Amino acid sequence: MIVDISFRMMGARLPADHSYRLYGALTTAVPELHGDKIPYSVHPVRGQQLPGRELALLPHSQLIVRLDHEHLPTVMPLAGKALRVGSYIVSLGVPGVHPLTASPVLRSRLVIIKGFTEPEAFRQAAQRQVEQAGVSATVGLVEPRANSRFEGRSAPATGPVRRTLRIRDKEIVGFAVQVDGLADHDAITLQERGLGGRQHFGCGVLVPPPSLPGVQPGVSRRRNT
């Protein structure tokens, strides 16, 4: 069973584009997370975007790792660890384990599909991935809110939300994605698989939108029993 394990992230700030450096910090703390020995993905860290391409950590900011429950003992030692993410230090709290929850709508902050950087071609490639997973749903690209802030600066009010992932001196382009019309079993399947690549770096992780009842930012809802 695939689950999310979350650790409260305590500290002041992170770089806004911290994904690659966070991966380095995690693999230093838990070497088994390096490479593809264990299939897992890392949720984007939620916080407040600041000028200067920084992210302020908030009380709900968390490190969330999605992986098979059999590998939970591998990541449990992260509890209480201090991680150096570039020039920033963050500490991790006690873990909580959350099952994935069905939702008719799923979103990912950033999906990257190699070779696709233009909106419509990218959307079609993402749609094909969904269909290849045996899932019936519609892929769309997220539009920005008017007067929204993105990476500490004003975002354009038209066109899909385009984001980049920086790995060393290279920037990789992707888009914010929404998947609609999901049956319950398809929603679980798609969350387990994710979309696109670079999932160790916070890309392609799908979650129910926070506006749905009971959903916390960056954490899937608990299944009702």
N, C-alpha and C. Protein backbone atom coordinates (compact mmCIF):
# COMPACT_ATOMS: atom_id res chain seq x y z
N MET A 1 0.84 -1.20 0.00
CA MET A 1 0.00 0.00 0.00
C MET A 1 0.88 1.25 0.00
N ILE A 2 0.56 2.19 -0.88
CA ILE A 2 1.31 3.44 -0.95
C ILE A 2 0.70 4.43 0.04
N VAL A 3 1.56 5.10 0.81
CA VAL A 3 1.12 6.06 1.82
C VAL A 3 1.99 7.30 1.75
N ASP A 4 1.53 8.36 2.41
CA ASP A 4 2.34 9.56 2.62
C ASP A 4 2.81 9.56 4.07
N ILE A 5 4.10 9.77 4.27
CA ILE A 5 4.63 9.97 5.62
C ILE A 5 5.08 11.42 5.71
N SER A 6 4.59 12.12 6.73
CA SER A 6 4.85 13.56 6.84
C SER A 6 5.63 13.87 8.11
N PHE A 7 6.51 14.85 7.99
CA PHE A 7 7.30 15.35 9.11
C PHE A 7 7.13 16.87 9.14
N ARG A 8 6.74 17.42 10.26
CA ARG A 8 6.69 18.87 10.37
C ARG A 8 8.09 19.43 10.12
N MET A 9 8.16 20.48 9.30
CA MET A 9 9.44 21.07 8.94
C MET A 9 9.59 22.40 9.68
N MET A 10 10.58 22.49 10.53
CA MET A 10 10.77 23.66 11.38
C MET A 10 12.04 24.39 10.99
N GLY A 11 11.91 25.68 10.87
CA GLY A 11 13.02 26.53 10.47
C GLY A 11 12.46 27.85 9.99
N ALA A 12 13.32 28.69 9.46
CA ALA A 12 12.86 30.00 9.01
C ALA A 12 12.51 29.99 7.53
N ARG A 13 13.47 29.61 6.70
CA ARG A 13 13.28 29.74 5.26
C ARG A 13 14.00 28.62 4.51
N LEU A 14 13.58 28.48 3.25
CA LEU A 14 14.26 27.64 2.27
C LEU A 14 14.40 28.45 0.99
N PRO A 15 15.30 28.06 0.10
CA PRO A 15 15.25 28.65 -1.24
C PRO A 15 13.91 28.30 -1.89
N ALA A 16 13.37 29.22 -2.68
CA ALA A 16 12.11 28.91 -3.36
C ALA A 16 12.27 27.68 -4.25
N ASP A 17 13.38 27.58 -4.93
CA ASP A 17 13.67 26.43 -5.79
C ASP A 17 14.65 25.53 -5.04
N HIS A 18 14.10 24.76 -4.10
CA HIS A 18 14.94 24.00 -3.17
C HIS A 18 14.96 22.50 -3.46
N SER A 19 14.21 22.04 -4.45
CA SER A 19 13.94 20.60 -4.59
C SER A 19 15.20 19.77 -4.73
N TYR A 20 16.13 20.20 -5.58
CA TYR A 20 17.34 19.41 -5.80
C TYR A 20 18.21 19.39 -4.54
N ARG A 21 18.31 20.53 -3.87
CA ARG A 21 19.12 20.59 -2.65
C ARG A 21 18.47 19.81 -1.51
N LEU A 22 17.13 19.80 -1.47
CA LEU A 22 16.44 18.99 -0.46
C LEU A 22 16.70 17.51 -0.71
N TYR A 23 16.68 17.10 -1.96
CA TYR A 23 17.01 15.71 -2.30
C TYR A 23 18.41 15.36 -1.81
N GLY A 24 19.36 16.26 -2.02
CA GLY A 24 20.71 16.02 -1.53
C GLY A 24 20.76 15.86 -0.02
N ALA A 25 19.97 16.71 0.69
CA ALA A 25 19.94 16.62 2.15
C ALA A 25 19.32 15.30 2.61
N LEU A 26 18.25 14.88 1.94
CA LEU A 26 17.59 13.63 2.32
C LEU A 26 18.49 12.43 2.08
N THR A 27 19.18 12.41 0.96
CA THR A 27 20.03 11.26 0.66
C THR A 27 21.29 11.24 1.51
N THR A 28 21.70 12.40 2.01
CA THR A 28 22.80 12.42 2.97
C THR A 28 22.35 11.82 4.30
N ALA A 29 21.12 12.18 4.73
CA ALA A 29 20.60 11.66 5.99
C ALA A 29 20.22 10.18 5.89
N VAL A 30 19.67 9.78 4.75
CA VAL A 30 19.23 8.39 4.53
C VAL A 30 19.79 7.95 3.18
N PRO A 31 20.98 7.38 3.12
CA PRO A 31 21.59 7.03 1.83
C PRO A 31 20.75 6.09 0.98
N GLU A 32 19.86 5.31 1.59
CA GLU A 32 19.01 4.39 0.82
C GLU A 32 18.07 5.14 -0.12
N LEU A 33 17.86 6.45 0.11
CA LEU A 33 16.98 7.23 -0.75
C LEU A 33 17.67 7.71 -2.02
N HIS A 34 18.96 7.47 -2.14
CA HIS A 34 19.66 7.90 -3.34
C HIS A 34 19.34 6.96 -4.50
N GLY A 35 19.09 7.55 -5.66
CA GLY A 35 18.84 6.75 -6.85
C GLY A 35 17.49 6.08 -6.82
N ASP A 36 17.42 4.89 -7.42
CA ASP A 36 16.14 4.20 -7.61
C ASP A 36 16.05 2.91 -6.80
N LYS A 37 16.83 2.80 -5.74
CA LYS A 37 16.76 1.59 -4.93
C LYS A 37 15.38 1.42 -4.31
N ILE A 38 14.79 2.54 -3.88
CA ILE A 38 13.45 2.54 -3.29
C ILE A 38 12.58 3.48 -4.13
N PRO A 39 11.46 3.01 -4.68
CA PRO A 39 10.56 3.92 -5.39
C PRO A 39 9.86 4.86 -4.40
N TYR A 40 9.99 6.15 -4.61
CA TYR A 40 9.33 7.13 -3.74
C TYR A 40 9.24 8.46 -4.47
N SER A 41 8.42 9.33 -3.94
CA SER A 41 8.34 10.71 -4.43
C SER A 41 8.26 11.64 -3.24
N VAL A 42 8.61 12.90 -3.47
CA VAL A 42 8.63 13.91 -2.41
C VAL A 42 7.66 15.02 -2.79
N HIS A 43 6.76 15.36 -1.90
CA HIS A 43 5.83 16.46 -2.16
C HIS A 43 6.59 17.79 -2.16
N PRO A 44 6.11 18.76 -2.92
CA PRO A 44 6.66 20.12 -2.78
C PRO A 44 6.42 20.63 -1.35
N VAL A 45 7.39 21.33 -0.81
CA VAL A 45 7.23 21.93 0.52
C VAL A 45 6.38 23.19 0.39
N ARG A 46 5.36 23.28 1.22
CA ARG A 46 4.46 24.44 1.18
C ARG A 46 4.96 25.52 2.13
N GLY A 47 4.83 26.75 1.70
CA GLY A 47 5.21 27.89 2.53
C GLY A 47 4.78 29.17 1.85
N GLN A 48 5.32 30.29 2.30
CA GLN A 48 4.98 31.59 1.74
C GLN A 48 6.12 32.08 0.85
N GLN A 49 5.80 32.34 -0.42
CA GLN A 49 6.81 32.86 -1.34
C GLN A 49 7.19 34.28 -0.94
N LEU A 50 8.51 34.52 -0.92
CA LEU A 50 9.05 35.82 -0.54
C LEU A 50 9.87 36.40 -1.68
N PRO A 51 10.07 37.72 -1.70
CA PRO A 51 11.02 38.29 -2.68
C PRO A 51 12.40 37.67 -2.48
N GLY A 52 13.18 37.71 -3.55
CA GLY A 52 14.52 37.13 -3.47
C GLY A 52 14.53 35.63 -3.64
N ARG A 53 13.41 35.07 -4.17
CA ARG A 53 13.31 33.63 -4.42
C ARG A 53 13.58 32.81 -3.15
N GLU A 54 12.88 33.20 -2.09
CA GLU A 54 12.92 32.44 -0.84
C GLU A 54 11.52 31.98 -0.48
N LEU A 55 11.46 30.94 0.35
CA LEU A 55 10.21 30.38 0.83
C LEU A 55 10.22 30.42 2.35
N ALA A 56 9.27 31.16 2.94
CA ALA A 56 9.15 31.20 4.40
C ALA A 56 8.39 29.97 4.87
N LEU A 57 8.95 29.23 5.80
CA LEU A 57 8.25 28.08 6.37
C LEU A 57 7.17 28.55 7.32
N LEU A 58 6.02 27.87 7.28
CA LEU A 58 4.85 28.21 8.08
C LEU A 58 4.54 27.06 9.02
N PRO A 59 3.62 27.25 9.99
CA PRO A 59 3.32 26.16 10.92
C PRO A 59 2.88 24.86 10.25
N HIS A 60 2.26 24.96 9.05
CA HIS A 60 1.83 23.73 8.37
C HIS A 60 2.86 23.20 7.39
N SER A 61 4.02 23.81 7.27
CA SER A 61 5.04 23.33 6.33
C SER A 61 5.53 21.95 6.74
N GLN A 62 5.59 21.05 5.78
CA GLN A 62 5.96 19.67 6.07
C GLN A 62 6.85 19.10 4.97
N LEU A 63 7.68 18.16 5.35
CA LEU A 63 8.32 17.25 4.41
C LEU A 63 7.41 16.04 4.31
N ILE A 64 6.96 15.72 3.09
CA ILE A 64 6.07 14.58 2.88
C ILE A 64 6.69 13.68 1.82
N VAL A 65 6.87 12.43 2.18
CA VAL A 65 7.42 11.43 1.27
C VAL A 65 6.34 10.40 0.98
N ARG A 66 6.14 10.10 -0.29
CA ARG A 66 5.15 9.09 -0.71
C ARG A 66 5.89 7.82 -1.12
N LEU A 67 5.55 6.70 -0.48
CA LEU A 67 6.24 5.44 -0.77
C LEU A 67 5.42 4.28 -0.27
N ASP A 68 5.85 3.07 -0.60
CA ASP A 68 5.16 1.88 -0.13
C ASP A 68 5.35 1.75 1.38
N HIS A 69 4.28 1.32 2.06
CA HIS A 69 4.34 1.24 3.52
C HIS A 69 5.44 0.29 3.99
N GLU A 70 5.85 -0.66 3.14
CA GLU A 70 6.93 -1.58 3.54
C GLU A 70 8.25 -0.86 3.75
N HIS A 71 8.40 0.33 3.14
CA HIS A 71 9.65 1.08 3.26
C HIS A 71 9.59 2.16 4.35
N LEU A 72 8.51 2.19 5.12
CA LEU A 72 8.43 3.19 6.19
C LEU A 72 9.62 3.12 7.16
N PRO A 73 10.10 1.93 7.54
CA PRO A 73 11.25 1.89 8.45
C PRO A 73 12.49 2.59 7.90
N THR A 74 12.59 2.70 6.57
CA THR A 74 13.75 3.37 5.98
C THR A 74 13.74 4.86 6.25
N VAL A 75 12.55 5.48 6.22
CA VAL A 75 12.47 6.94 6.35
C VAL A 75 12.15 7.40 7.77
N MET A 76 11.71 6.49 8.64
CA MET A 76 11.40 6.88 10.03
C MET A 76 12.58 7.58 10.73
N PRO A 77 13.84 7.19 10.45
CA PRO A 77 14.96 7.87 11.13
C PRO A 77 15.10 9.35 10.79
N LEU A 78 14.34 9.86 9.81
CA LEU A 78 14.38 11.29 9.54
C LEU A 78 13.80 12.11 10.69
N ALA A 79 12.96 11.51 11.51
CA ALA A 79 12.36 12.23 12.64
C ALA A 79 13.44 12.79 13.55
N GLY A 80 13.34 14.07 13.83
CA GLY A 80 14.31 14.74 14.70
C GLY A 80 15.59 15.16 14.04
N LYS A 81 15.75 14.85 12.76
CA LYS A 81 16.98 15.20 12.04
C LYS A 81 17.01 16.69 11.70
N ALA A 82 18.21 17.25 11.67
CA ALA A 82 18.45 18.58 11.11
C ALA A 82 19.04 18.39 9.72
N LEU A 83 18.43 19.04 8.74
CA LEU A 83 18.87 18.92 7.35
C LEU A 83 19.46 20.24 6.89
N ARG A 84 20.58 20.17 6.22
CA ARG A 84 21.16 21.35 5.58
C ARG A 84 20.72 21.37 4.13
N VAL A 85 19.91 22.35 3.77
CA VAL A 85 19.39 22.50 2.41
C VAL A 85 20.05 23.74 1.82
N GLY A 86 21.13 23.54 1.09
CA GLY A 86 21.94 24.68 0.67
C GLY A 86 22.55 25.34 1.89
N SER A 87 22.28 26.64 2.06
CA SER A 87 22.80 27.36 3.22
C SER A 87 21.78 27.45 4.35
N TYR A 88 20.66 26.74 4.24
CA TYR A 88 19.59 26.80 5.22
C TYR A 88 19.56 25.52 6.05
N ILE A 89 19.14 25.66 7.32
CA ILE A 89 19.00 24.51 8.20
C ILE A 89 17.54 24.38 8.59
N VAL A 90 16.98 23.16 8.43
CA VAL A 90 15.62 22.88 8.89
C VAL A 90 15.66 21.63 9.75
N SER A 91 14.70 21.55 10.68
CA SER A 91 14.58 20.38 11.54
C SER A 91 13.25 19.69 11.26
N LEU A 92 13.24 18.36 11.42
CA LEU A 92 12.04 17.59 11.16
C LEU A 92 11.43 17.07 12.45
N GLY A 93 10.11 17.12 12.53
CA GLY A 93 9.40 16.66 13.72
C GLY A 93 9.03 15.20 13.64
N VAL A 94 8.10 14.80 14.52
CA VAL A 94 7.68 13.40 14.57
C VAL A 94 6.84 13.08 13.34
N PRO A 95 6.90 11.84 12.85
CA PRO A 95 6.20 11.50 11.61
C PRO A 95 4.73 11.18 11.84
N GLY A 96 3.95 11.39 10.79
CA GLY A 96 2.57 10.92 10.72
C GLY A 96 2.37 10.21 9.40
N VAL A 97 1.58 9.15 9.39
CA VAL A 97 1.35 8.36 8.20
C VAL A 97 -0.08 8.56 7.73
N HIS A 98 -0.25 8.84 6.44
CA HIS A 98 -1.56 9.18 5.88
C HIS A 98 -1.83 8.29 4.67
N PRO A 99 -2.95 7.57 4.65
CA PRO A 99 -3.31 6.81 3.45
C PRO A 99 -3.73 7.77 2.34
N LEU A 100 -3.57 7.33 1.12
CA LEU A 100 -4.07 8.11 -0.01
C LEU A 100 -5.59 8.08 -0.01
N THR A 101 -6.20 9.16 -0.51
CA THR A 101 -7.64 9.30 -0.47
C THR A 101 -8.18 9.61 -1.85
N ALA A 102 -9.28 8.98 -2.20
CA ALA A 102 -9.90 9.22 -3.50
C ALA A 102 -10.45 10.64 -3.57
N SER A 103 -10.35 11.23 -4.76
CA SER A 103 -10.88 12.56 -5.03
C SER A 103 -11.18 12.64 -6.52
N PRO A 104 -12.27 13.31 -6.92
CA PRO A 104 -12.56 13.44 -8.35
C PRO A 104 -11.60 14.37 -9.08
N VAL A 105 -10.86 15.18 -8.30
CA VAL A 105 -9.92 16.14 -8.87
C VAL A 105 -8.58 15.96 -8.17
N LEU A 106 -7.50 15.93 -8.94
CA LEU A 106 -6.15 15.91 -8.39
C LEU A 106 -5.33 17.00 -9.06
N ARG A 107 -4.37 17.54 -8.31
CA ARG A 107 -3.48 18.56 -8.86
C ARG A 107 -2.03 18.25 -8.54
N SER A 108 -1.15 18.75 -9.41
CA SER A 108 0.28 18.72 -9.15
C SER A 108 0.84 20.12 -9.41
N ARG A 109 1.65 20.60 -8.49
CA ARG A 109 2.23 21.94 -8.63
C ARG A 109 3.13 22.04 -9.85
N LEU A 110 3.85 20.95 -10.14
CA LEU A 110 4.78 20.95 -11.27
C LEU A 110 4.93 19.54 -11.80
N VAL A 111 4.62 19.36 -13.08
CA VAL A 111 4.85 18.10 -13.78
C VAL A 111 5.86 18.36 -14.89
N ILE A 112 6.83 17.48 -14.99
CA ILE A 112 7.86 17.59 -16.03
C ILE A 112 7.82 16.32 -16.88
N ILE A 113 7.69 16.49 -18.19
CA ILE A 113 7.73 15.38 -19.13
C ILE A 113 8.82 15.69 -20.15
N LYS A 114 9.83 14.86 -20.18
CA LYS A 114 11.00 15.12 -21.02
C LYS A 114 10.59 15.30 -22.49
N GLY A 115 11.08 16.39 -23.09
CA GLY A 115 10.84 16.65 -24.50
C GLY A 115 9.59 17.46 -24.78
N PHE A 116 8.84 17.84 -23.73
CA PHE A 116 7.60 18.59 -23.93
C PHE A 116 7.61 19.86 -23.08
N THR A 117 7.76 21.00 -23.73
CA THR A 117 7.84 22.28 -23.02
C THR A 117 6.81 23.30 -23.51
N GLU A 118 6.02 22.94 -24.55
CA GLU A 118 4.96 23.81 -25.03
C GLU A 118 3.62 23.31 -24.52
N PRO A 119 2.73 24.24 -24.13
CA PRO A 119 1.53 23.85 -23.36
C PRO A 119 0.70 22.73 -23.96
N GLU A 120 0.25 22.85 -25.21
CA GLU A 120 -0.68 21.86 -25.73
C GLU A 120 0.00 20.52 -25.96
N ALA A 121 1.21 20.53 -26.49
CA ALA A 121 1.94 19.27 -26.66
C ALA A 121 2.18 18.59 -25.32
N PHE A 122 2.50 19.40 -24.31
CA PHE A 122 2.70 18.87 -22.95
C PHE A 122 1.40 18.26 -22.43
N ARG A 123 0.29 18.99 -22.58
CA ARG A 123 -0.99 18.49 -22.08
C ARG A 123 -1.34 17.15 -22.73
N GLN A 124 -1.12 17.04 -24.01
CA GLN A 124 -1.42 15.80 -24.71
C GLN A 124 -0.53 14.66 -24.22
N ALA A 125 0.75 14.97 -23.95
CA ALA A 125 1.66 13.94 -23.43
C ALA A 125 1.21 13.47 -22.05
N ALA A 126 0.77 14.42 -21.22
CA ALA A 126 0.28 14.05 -19.89
C ALA A 126 -1.00 13.23 -19.99
N GLN A 127 -1.88 13.59 -20.92
CA GLN A 127 -3.11 12.82 -21.14
C GLN A 127 -2.77 11.39 -21.54
N ARG A 128 -1.78 11.23 -22.39
CA ARG A 128 -1.39 9.88 -22.80
C ARG A 128 -0.88 9.07 -21.62
N GLN A 129 -0.12 9.69 -20.73
CA GLN A 129 0.37 8.97 -19.56
C GLN A 129 -0.78 8.50 -18.69
N VAL A 130 -1.79 9.36 -18.52
CA VAL A 130 -2.97 8.98 -17.73
C VAL A 130 -3.66 7.78 -18.35
N GLU A 131 -3.85 7.83 -19.67
CA GLU A 131 -4.53 6.73 -20.36
C GLU A 131 -3.71 5.46 -20.33
N GLN A 132 -2.38 5.57 -20.43
CA GLN A 132 -1.53 4.39 -20.37
C GLN A 132 -1.57 3.72 -18.99
N ALA A 133 -1.94 4.50 -17.97
CA ALA A 133 -2.11 3.94 -16.63
C ALA A 133 -3.46 3.25 -16.47
N GLY A 134 -4.27 3.25 -17.53
CA GLY A 134 -5.59 2.64 -17.46
C GLY A 134 -6.61 3.51 -16.76
N VAL A 135 -6.35 4.81 -16.69
CA VAL A 135 -7.20 5.76 -15.97
C VAL A 135 -8.01 6.57 -16.97
N SER A 136 -9.31 6.71 -16.70
CA SER A 136 -10.18 7.54 -17.51
C SER A 136 -10.38 8.88 -16.80
N ALA A 137 -9.81 9.94 -17.36
CA ALA A 137 -9.90 11.27 -16.75
C ALA A 137 -9.40 12.29 -17.77
N THR A 138 -9.59 13.57 -17.47
CA THR A 138 -9.20 14.64 -18.37
C THR A 138 -8.09 15.47 -17.74
N VAL A 139 -7.00 15.64 -18.47
CA VAL A 139 -5.86 16.43 -18.00
C VAL A 139 -6.00 17.86 -18.52
N GLY A 140 -5.80 18.82 -17.62
CA GLY A 140 -5.77 20.22 -18.00
C GLY A 140 -4.58 20.91 -17.36
N LEU A 141 -4.22 22.08 -17.88
CA LEU A 141 -3.15 22.88 -17.30
C LEU A 141 -3.77 23.98 -16.45
N VAL A 142 -3.21 24.19 -15.27
CA VAL A 142 -3.77 25.15 -14.31
C VAL A 142 -3.51 26.56 -14.79
N GLU A 143 -4.55 27.40 -14.71
CA GLU A 143 -4.42 28.82 -15.03
C GLU A 143 -4.14 29.59 -13.74
N PRO A 144 -3.32 30.66 -13.79
CA PRO A 144 -3.03 31.42 -12.57
C PRO A 144 -4.23 32.25 -12.14
N ARG A 145 -4.34 32.50 -10.84
CA ARG A 145 -5.32 33.45 -10.34
C ARG A 145 -4.88 34.86 -10.69
N ALA A 146 -5.84 35.74 -10.91
CA ALA A 146 -5.51 37.13 -11.19
C ALA A 146 -4.77 37.73 -10.00
N ASN A 147 -3.72 38.50 -10.29
CA ASN A 147 -2.92 39.18 -9.26
C ASN A 147 -2.28 38.22 -8.28
N SER A 148 -2.04 36.98 -8.72
CA SER A 148 -1.39 36.01 -7.83
C SER A 148 0.10 36.29 -7.80
N ARG A 149 0.76 35.70 -6.79
CA ARG A 149 2.20 35.82 -6.66
C ARG A 149 2.83 34.48 -7.00
N PHE A 150 3.92 34.53 -7.72
CA PHE A 150 4.60 33.30 -8.12
C PHE A 150 6.09 33.51 -7.95
N GLU A 151 6.69 32.63 -7.12
CA GLU A 151 8.13 32.71 -6.85
C GLU A 151 8.53 34.13 -6.42
N GLY A 152 7.65 34.76 -5.62
CA GLY A 152 7.99 36.07 -5.08
C GLY A 152 7.76 37.23 -6.03
N ARG A 153 7.11 36.98 -7.18
CA ARG A 153 6.85 38.07 -8.10
C ARG A 153 5.45 37.88 -8.69
N SER A 154 4.91 38.92 -9.31
CA SER A 154 3.58 38.83 -9.86
C SER A 154 3.53 37.82 -11.00
N ALA A 155 2.49 37.00 -11.03
CA ALA A 155 2.32 36.02 -12.09
C ALA A 155 1.42 36.60 -13.17
N PRO A 156 1.62 36.27 -14.42
CA PRO A 156 0.72 36.72 -15.47
C PRO A 156 -0.67 36.13 -15.24
N ALA A 157 -1.71 36.88 -15.64
CA ALA A 157 -3.08 36.46 -15.38
C ALA A 157 -3.63 35.56 -16.47
N THR A 158 -2.90 35.32 -17.55
CA THR A 158 -3.39 34.48 -18.63
C THR A 158 -2.34 33.43 -18.99
N GLY A 159 -2.82 32.36 -19.62
CA GLY A 159 -1.91 31.28 -19.99
C GLY A 159 -1.70 30.33 -18.83
N PRO A 160 -1.28 29.09 -19.11
CA PRO A 160 -1.07 28.10 -18.06
C PRO A 160 0.12 28.47 -17.17
N VAL A 161 0.08 27.95 -15.95
CA VAL A 161 1.16 28.18 -15.00
C VAL A 161 2.36 27.33 -15.41
N ARG A 162 3.41 27.99 -15.86
CA ARG A 162 4.65 27.33 -16.27
C ARG A 162 5.66 27.51 -15.14
N ARG A 163 6.30 26.43 -14.72
CA ARG A 163 7.29 26.49 -13.65
C ARG A 163 8.56 25.78 -14.10
N THR A 164 9.63 26.01 -13.35
CA THR A 164 10.90 25.36 -13.68
C THR A 164 11.48 24.68 -12.46
N LEU A 165 12.24 23.65 -12.71
CA LEU A 165 13.03 22.96 -11.69
C LEU A 165 14.49 23.20 -12.01
N ARG A 166 15.24 23.73 -11.03
CA ARG A 166 16.67 23.96 -11.24
C ARG A 166 17.46 22.79 -10.66
N ILE A 167 18.29 22.19 -11.50
CA ILE A 167 19.22 21.14 -11.09
C ILE A 167 20.61 21.62 -11.47
N ARG A 168 21.40 21.95 -10.46
CA ARG A 168 22.69 22.61 -10.66
C ARG A 168 22.47 23.87 -11.50
N ASP A 169 23.06 23.95 -12.68
CA ASP A 169 22.93 25.16 -13.48
C ASP A 169 21.92 25.00 -14.60
N LYS A 170 21.08 23.97 -14.52
CA LYS A 170 20.11 23.70 -15.58
C LYS A 170 18.70 23.91 -15.07
N GLU A 171 17.86 24.57 -15.89
CA GLU A 171 16.45 24.75 -15.55
C GLU A 171 15.61 23.88 -16.47
N ILE A 172 14.71 23.09 -15.88
CA ILE A 172 13.85 22.18 -16.63
C ILE A 172 12.42 22.71 -16.53
N VAL A 173 11.75 22.82 -17.67
CA VAL A 173 10.44 23.46 -17.74
C VAL A 173 9.33 22.43 -17.59
N GLY A 174 8.29 22.83 -16.85
CA GLY A 174 7.08 22.02 -16.73
C GLY A 174 5.88 22.90 -16.44
N PHE A 175 4.77 22.27 -16.10
CA PHE A 175 3.51 23.00 -15.90
C PHE A 175 2.78 22.47 -14.67
N ALA A 176 1.95 23.34 -14.08
CA ALA A 176 1.00 22.91 -13.06
C ALA A 176 -0.16 22.21 -13.75
N VAL A 177 -0.57 21.06 -13.21
CA VAL A 177 -1.53 20.19 -13.89
C VAL A 177 -2.71 19.89 -12.98
N GLN A 178 -3.89 19.80 -13.59
CA GLN A 178 -5.09 19.33 -12.89
C GLN A 178 -5.70 18.19 -13.68
N VAL A 179 -6.12 17.14 -12.96
CA VAL A 179 -6.79 15.99 -13.57
C VAL A 179 -8.20 15.92 -13.01
N ASP A 180 -9.19 15.91 -13.90
CA ASP A 180 -10.60 15.95 -13.50
C ASP A 180 -11.33 14.69 -13.93
N GLY A 181 -12.45 14.43 -13.25
CA GLY A 181 -13.34 13.33 -13.63
C GLY A 181 -12.85 11.97 -13.22
N LEU A 182 -12.20 11.89 -12.06
CA LEU A 182 -11.60 10.64 -11.61
C LEU A 182 -12.58 9.80 -10.80
N ALA A 183 -12.70 8.53 -11.16
CA ALA A 183 -13.35 7.57 -10.28
C ALA A 183 -12.44 7.30 -9.08
N ASP A 184 -13.01 6.76 -8.01
CA ASP A 184 -12.23 6.57 -6.79
C ASP A 184 -10.99 5.72 -7.02
N HIS A 185 -11.16 4.56 -7.68
CA HIS A 185 -10.00 3.67 -7.85
C HIS A 185 -8.96 4.30 -8.78
N ASP A 186 -9.42 5.09 -9.77
CA ASP A 186 -8.48 5.75 -10.66
C ASP A 186 -7.69 6.84 -9.94
N ALA A 187 -8.35 7.54 -9.02
CA ALA A 187 -7.66 8.59 -8.25
C ALA A 187 -6.53 8.00 -7.42
N ILE A 188 -6.78 6.84 -6.81
CA ILE A 188 -5.73 6.18 -6.03
C ILE A 188 -4.60 5.72 -6.94
N THR A 189 -4.97 5.10 -8.06
CA THR A 189 -3.94 4.62 -9.01
C THR A 189 -3.04 5.75 -9.47
N LEU A 190 -3.64 6.90 -9.82
CA LEU A 190 -2.85 8.01 -10.34
C LEU A 190 -1.96 8.62 -9.27
N GLN A 191 -2.44 8.68 -8.03
CA GLN A 191 -1.60 9.18 -6.95
C GLN A 191 -0.43 8.24 -6.70
N GLU A 192 -0.67 6.95 -6.80
CA GLU A 192 0.40 5.98 -6.59
C GLU A 192 1.48 6.10 -7.66
N ARG A 193 1.08 6.37 -8.90
CA ARG A 193 2.02 6.42 -10.02
C ARG A 193 2.66 7.79 -10.19
N GLY A 194 1.90 8.86 -9.94
CA GLY A 194 2.37 10.21 -10.25
C GLY A 194 2.37 10.44 -11.75
N LEU A 195 2.79 11.64 -12.14
CA LEU A 195 2.86 12.02 -13.55
C LEU A 195 4.25 12.53 -13.88
N GLY A 196 4.77 12.12 -15.03
CA GLY A 196 6.05 12.65 -15.49
C GLY A 196 7.22 12.13 -14.66
N GLY A 197 8.34 12.86 -14.77
CA GLY A 197 9.57 12.45 -14.11
C GLY A 197 9.98 13.37 -12.98
N ARG A 198 11.20 13.15 -12.48
CA ARG A 198 11.80 13.95 -11.41
C ARG A 198 10.95 13.94 -10.14
N GLN A 199 10.33 12.80 -9.84
CA GLN A 199 9.44 12.76 -8.68
C GLN A 199 10.21 12.80 -7.35
N HIS A 200 11.49 12.46 -7.35
CA HIS A 200 12.30 12.64 -6.14
C HIS A 200 12.48 14.12 -5.82
N PHE A 201 12.26 14.98 -6.82
CA PHE A 201 12.50 16.41 -6.67
C PHE A 201 11.20 17.20 -6.54
N GLY A 202 10.12 16.54 -6.12
CA GLY A 202 8.87 17.25 -5.88
C GLY A 202 7.99 17.42 -7.09
N CYS A 203 8.32 16.78 -8.20
CA CYS A 203 7.55 16.93 -9.43
C CYS A 203 6.58 15.76 -9.60
N GLY A 204 5.41 16.05 -10.19
CA GLY A 204 4.48 15.00 -10.57
C GLY A 204 3.72 14.36 -9.44
N VAL A 205 3.78 14.92 -8.22
CA VAL A 205 3.05 14.37 -7.08
C VAL A 205 1.64 14.95 -7.11
N LEU A 206 0.64 14.09 -7.16
CA LEU A 206 -0.75 14.50 -7.29
C LEU A 206 -1.45 14.42 -5.94
N VAL A 207 -2.22 15.47 -5.62
CA VAL A 207 -2.97 15.53 -4.37
C VAL A 207 -4.33 16.16 -4.64
N PRO A 208 -5.33 15.90 -3.79
CA PRO A 208 -6.59 16.62 -3.90
C PRO A 208 -6.37 18.11 -3.63
N PRO A 209 -7.06 19.00 -4.34
CA PRO A 209 -6.89 20.43 -4.09
C PRO A 209 -7.28 20.79 -2.66
N PRO A 210 -6.58 21.74 -2.04
CA PRO A 210 -6.88 22.10 -0.64
C PRO A 210 -8.28 22.62 -0.44
N SER A 211 -8.96 23.10 -1.49
CA SER A 211 -10.30 23.66 -1.33
C SER A 211 -11.35 22.58 -1.07
N LEU A 212 -11.01 21.30 -1.32
CA LEU A 212 -11.97 20.25 -1.04
C LEU A 212 -12.07 20.03 0.46
N PRO A 213 -13.25 19.64 0.96
CA PRO A 213 -13.45 19.50 2.41
C PRO A 213 -12.42 18.57 3.04
N GLY A 214 -11.85 19.02 4.14
CA GLY A 214 -10.96 18.18 4.92
C GLY A 214 -9.56 18.04 4.40
N VAL A 215 -9.20 18.78 3.34
CA VAL A 215 -7.88 18.63 2.75
C VAL A 215 -6.95 19.70 3.29
N GLN A 216 -5.82 19.29 3.78
CA GLN A 216 -4.79 20.22 4.25
C GLN A 216 -3.78 20.43 3.14
N PRO A 217 -3.14 21.61 3.10
CA PRO A 217 -2.17 21.86 2.01
C PRO A 217 -1.08 20.81 2.00
N GLY A 218 -0.95 20.12 0.85
CA GLY A 218 0.14 19.18 0.66
C GLY A 218 -0.07 17.82 1.27
N VAL A 219 -1.23 17.56 1.91
CA VAL A 219 -1.49 16.26 2.53
C VAL A 219 -2.81 15.74 2.02
N SER A 220 -2.83 14.51 1.52
CA SER A 220 -4.08 13.90 1.08
C SER A 220 -5.01 13.72 2.25
N ARG A 221 -6.31 13.77 1.95
CA ARG A 221 -7.30 13.53 3.00
C ARG A 221 -7.22 12.12 3.52
N ARG A 222 -7.59 11.95 4.81
CA ARG A 222 -7.68 10.59 5.35
C ARG A 222 -8.94 9.93 4.79
N ARG A 223 -8.86 8.63 4.59
CA ARG A 223 -10.02 7.91 4.09
C ARG A 223 -11.06 7.81 5.18
N ASN A 224 -12.34 8.11 4.84
CA ASN A 224 -13.42 7.99 5.81
C ASN A 224 -13.70 6.52 6.09
N THR A 225 -13.95 6.23 7.34
CA THR A 225 -14.26 4.85 7.71
C THR A 225 -15.60 4.79 8.41
